[in-house]
């Protein structure tokens, strides 16, 4: 009798212990996280830009440099480097007789690097007027002091156009035409005088 009571007590005790374990096992477990999950790509960096309103000008003219996407209200350092344009082939001037004479190529001025600054507004933009003092291919490089953003652009500066020299042979044709007109005028004047003399002489 006592043995049966002991067995029953042990059975009840084991049942009480097993219930919480079973309840815990029945709770849903969090899904295991997969390793190496691809992350979204980072946002692309903001690229600054620098442009000129005219890609080619004549020496003495002014261009407008425009910068965008720099830091707001920051100082931008602008460096100008100059290199000569490719030397053109020697030109030719045509004479009145159809022959040609070679013209010497125009000499280029020495390159002269320059530096200056610009100030951006709240949107990171700036505008700056610039008048080159040398000819050649100018490269503008702008760097923001705080943002570190950089951009560049190019400008071609050409020499002022020069009139071709007039050669002696090229003046022969205008002189011949002018001489012919003068001779024709003289003949017409002489004919008019003779006609008037004959007419009035016969009348008298």
Protein backbone atom coordinates (compact mmCIF):
# COMPACT_ATOMS: atom_id res chain seq x y z
CA UNK A 1 0.00 0.00 0.00
CA UNK A 2 2.76 2.35 0.90
CA UNK A 3 4.68 1.33 -2.21
CA UNK A 4 1.75 2.22 -4.43
CA UNK A 5 1.42 5.61 -2.76
CA UNK A 6 5.13 6.31 -3.34
CA UNK A 7 4.86 5.35 -7.01
CA UNK A 8 1.79 7.56 -7.44
CA UNK A 9 3.56 10.52 -5.81
CA UNK A 10 6.58 10.10 -8.07
CA UNK A 11 4.31 9.92 -11.12
CA UNK A 12 2.49 13.12 -10.16
CA UNK A 13 5.79 14.87 -9.52
CA UNK A 14 7.22 13.89 -12.88
CA UNK A 15 4.03 15.02 -14.59
CA UNK A 16 4.22 18.45 -12.91
CA UNK A 17 7.86 18.87 -13.99
CA UNK A 18 7.20 17.72 -17.56
CA UNK A 19 4.31 20.18 -18.21
CA UNK A 20 6.40 23.43 -18.16
CA UNK A 21 9.11 21.78 -20.28
CA UNK A 22 6.53 20.74 -22.84
CA UNK A 23 4.95 24.18 -22.81
CA UNK A 24 8.34 25.82 -23.41
CA UNK A 25 9.11 23.43 -26.22
CA UNK A 26 5.77 24.24 -27.81
CA UNK A 27 6.52 27.99 -28.04
CA UNK A 28 7.62 29.15 -31.49
CA UNK A 29 11.34 29.71 -31.81
CA UNK A 30 12.78 32.69 -33.78
CA UNK A 31 13.85 31.83 -37.28
CA UNK A 32 17.59 31.63 -37.66
CA UNK A 33 19.07 34.62 -39.46
CA UNK A 34 20.78 33.87 -42.73
CA UNK A 35 24.40 34.89 -42.87
CA UNK A 36 25.76 36.91 -45.80
CA UNK A 37 22.48 38.71 -46.60
CA UNK A 38 23.21 41.27 -49.38
CA UNK A 39 22.98 44.86 -48.17
CA UNK A 40 21.46 47.65 -50.30
CA UNK A 41 24.07 49.59 -52.25
CA UNK A 42 25.15 52.91 -50.75
CA UNK A 43 23.87 56.15 -52.22
CA UNK A 44 26.02 57.45 -55.10
CA UNK A 45 28.25 60.38 -54.12
CA UNK A 46 27.21 63.86 -55.17
CA UNK A 47 29.34 65.01 -58.11
CA UNK A 48 30.23 68.67 -58.47
CA UNK A 49 30.25 70.31 -61.91
CA UNK A 50 32.03 73.28 -63.48
CA UNK A 51 31.05 74.80 -66.85
CA UNK A 52 31.77 77.85 -69.02
CA UNK A 53 29.11 79.63 -71.03
CA UNK A 54 31.29 79.64 -74.20
CA UNK A 55 33.79 76.88 -75.05
CA UNK A 56 35.84 79.09 -77.44
CA UNK A 57 36.53 82.82 -77.27
CA UNK A 58 38.87 85.45 -78.72
CA UNK A 59 41.57 86.93 -76.50
CA UNK A 60 40.10 89.88 -74.60
CA UNK A 61 36.58 88.44 -74.27
CA UNK A 62 35.00 87.37 -70.96
CA UNK A 63 33.42 84.04 -69.96
CA UNK A 64 31.23 83.05 -67.01
CA UNK A 65 32.26 80.07 -64.88
CA UNK A 66 29.37 78.26 -63.15
CA UNK A 67 29.86 75.69 -60.38
CA UNK A 68 27.16 73.41 -58.97
CA UNK A 69 26.81 70.74 -56.25
CA UNK A 70 29.63 72.08 -54.07
CA UNK A 71 29.21 72.53 -50.33
CA UNK A 72 26.79 75.24 -49.17
CA UNK A 73 28.39 78.58 -48.32
CA UNK A 74 31.93 77.37 -48.83
CA UNK A 75 35.02 78.82 -50.50
CA UNK A 76 36.05 77.15 -53.75
CA UNK A 77 39.66 77.40 -54.95
CA UNK A 78 39.98 77.59 -58.75
CA UNK A 79 43.26 76.90 -60.52
CA UNK A 80 43.84 77.79 -64.18
CA UNK A 81 46.49 75.98 -66.20
CA UNK A 82 47.28 76.92 -69.79
CA UNK A 83 48.93 75.00 -72.58
CA UNK A 84 49.40 76.00 -76.22
CA UNK A 85 46.93 74.87 -78.81
CA UNK A 86 48.18 72.61 -81.60
CA UNK A 87 50.17 74.75 -84.05
CA UNK A 88 48.11 75.18 -87.24
CA UNK A 89 49.50 74.46 -90.65
CA UNK A 90 50.92 77.44 -92.47
CA UNK A 91 48.13 79.33 -94.27
CA UNK A 92 48.27 80.68 -97.78
CA UNK A 93 47.26 83.91 -99.47
CA UNK A 94 46.12 83.80 -103.09
CA UNK A 95 47.45 86.28 -105.64
CA UNK A 96 45.46 87.68 -108.55
CA UNK A 97 47.31 85.44 -111.01
CA UNK A 98 46.21 82.31 -109.14
CA UNK A 99 49.51 81.62 -107.38
CA UNK A 100 49.72 81.29 -103.57
CA UNK A 101 52.15 82.56 -100.98
CA UNK A 102 52.71 80.85 -97.60
CA UNK A 103 51.90 82.80 -94.45
CA UNK A 104 53.95 82.31 -91.27
CA UNK A 105 52.02 80.65 -88.38
CA UNK A 106 50.95 82.88 -85.50
CA UNK A 107 53.21 82.65 -82.44
CA UNK A 108 51.64 81.57 -79.15
CA UNK A 109 52.07 83.36 -75.86
CA UNK A 110 53.67 81.60 -72.92
CA UNK A 111 51.39 79.73 -70.52
CA UNK A 112 50.71 81.41 -67.15
CA UNK A 113 48.90 79.41 -64.39
CA UNK A 114 46.51 81.52 -62.29
CA UNK A 115 44.49 80.96 -59.12
CA UNK A 116 41.42 82.66 -57.66
CA UNK A 117 38.47 81.81 -55.41
CA UNK A 118 34.67 81.80 -55.53
CA UNK A 119 31.99 81.64 -52.82
CA UNK A 120 29.00 79.29 -53.10
CA UNK A 121 25.46 80.08 -52.01
CA UNK A 122 23.20 77.96 -49.78
CA UNK A 123 22.61 75.54 -52.68
CA UNK A 124 26.32 75.01 -53.31
CA UNK A 125 26.36 77.06 -56.52
CA UNK A 126 28.56 79.94 -57.66
CA UNK A 127 29.09 82.11 -60.74
CA UNK A 128 32.31 83.94 -61.56
CA UNK A 129 33.33 86.11 -64.53
CA UNK A 130 36.81 85.54 -65.96
CA UNK A 131 38.78 87.33 -68.69
CA UNK A 132 41.83 85.35 -69.87
CA UNK A 133 45.06 87.24 -70.47
CA UNK A 134 46.75 84.50 -72.51
CA UNK A 135 45.82 82.35 -75.46
CA UNK A 136 45.78 78.55 -75.57
CA UNK A 137 43.77 75.74 -74.02
CA UNK A 138 42.82 76.76 -70.47
CA UNK A 139 41.82 74.13 -67.89
CA UNK A 140 39.87 75.32 -64.85
CA UNK A 141 39.95 73.06 -61.75
CA UNK A 142 37.67 73.92 -58.81
CA UNK A 143 38.05 72.32 -55.34
CA UNK A 144 35.75 73.00 -52.37
CA UNK A 145 37.66 73.69 -49.16
CA UNK A 146 35.13 72.09 -46.78
CA UNK A 147 33.41 69.50 -48.99
CA UNK A 148 36.51 68.43 -50.92
CA UNK A 149 34.41 68.13 -54.07
CA UNK A 150 36.21 68.87 -57.31
CA UNK A 151 35.29 69.58 -60.94
CA UNK A 152 37.04 70.89 -64.06
CA UNK A 153 36.31 72.33 -67.50
CA UNK A 154 38.23 73.64 -70.52
CA UNK A 155 38.24 76.85 -72.56
CA UNK A 156 39.92 77.64 -75.89
CA UNK A 157 41.29 81.17 -76.21
CA UNK A 158 42.26 82.22 -79.73
CA UNK A 159 44.27 85.14 -81.08
CA UNK A 160 42.51 88.14 -82.51
CA UNK A 161 41.97 87.89 -86.24
CA UNK A 162 44.53 89.75 -88.29
CA UNK A 163 44.11 91.05 -91.82
CA UNK A 164 46.28 89.36 -94.41
CA UNK A 165 48.98 91.61 -95.86
CA UNK A 166 48.31 92.84 -99.37
CA UNK A 167 51.06 91.75 -101.77
CA UNK A 168 52.20 93.71 -104.80
CA UNK A 169 50.74 91.20 -107.24
CA UNK A 170 47.33 91.32 -105.58
CA UNK A 171 47.05 95.07 -106.32
CA UNK A 172 47.70 94.71 -110.03
CA UNK A 173 44.13 93.79 -110.94
CA UNK A 174 42.44 96.73 -109.12
CA UNK A 175 44.97 99.09 -110.66
CA UNK A 176 44.30 97.73 -114.14
CA UNK A 177 40.55 98.07 -113.69
CA UNK A 178 40.93 101.61 -112.37
CA UNK A 179 43.19 102.58 -115.25
CA UNK A 180 40.71 101.20 -117.74
CA UNK A 181 37.88 103.20 -116.22
CA UNK A 182 39.95 106.39 -116.32
CA UNK A 183 40.83 105.80 -119.98
CA UNK A 184 37.21 105.11 -120.89
CA UNK A 185 36.16 108.32 -119.15
CA UNK A 186 38.76 110.32 -121.04
CA UNK A 187 37.60 108.89 -124.38
CA UNK A 188 33.99 109.69 -123.59
CA UNK A 189 34.90 113.24 -122.58
CA UNK A 190 36.92 113.77 -125.76
CA UNK A 191 34.07 112.40 -127.89
CA UNK A 192 31.60 114.77 -126.21
CA UNK A 193 33.84 117.79 -126.91
CA UNK A 194 34.26 116.85 -130.58
CA UNK A 195 30.53 116.28 -130.98
CA UNK A 196 29.69 119.64 -129.47
CA UNK A 197 32.24 121.42 -131.71
CA UNK A 198 30.88 119.79 -134.86
CA UNK A 199 27.31 120.57 -133.96
CA UNK A 200 27.79 124.17 -133.01
CA UNK A 201 30.32 124.76 -135.80
CA UNK A 202 27.88 123.55 -138.47
CA UNK A 203 25.13 125.70 -136.97
CA UNK A 204 27.23 128.85 -137.21
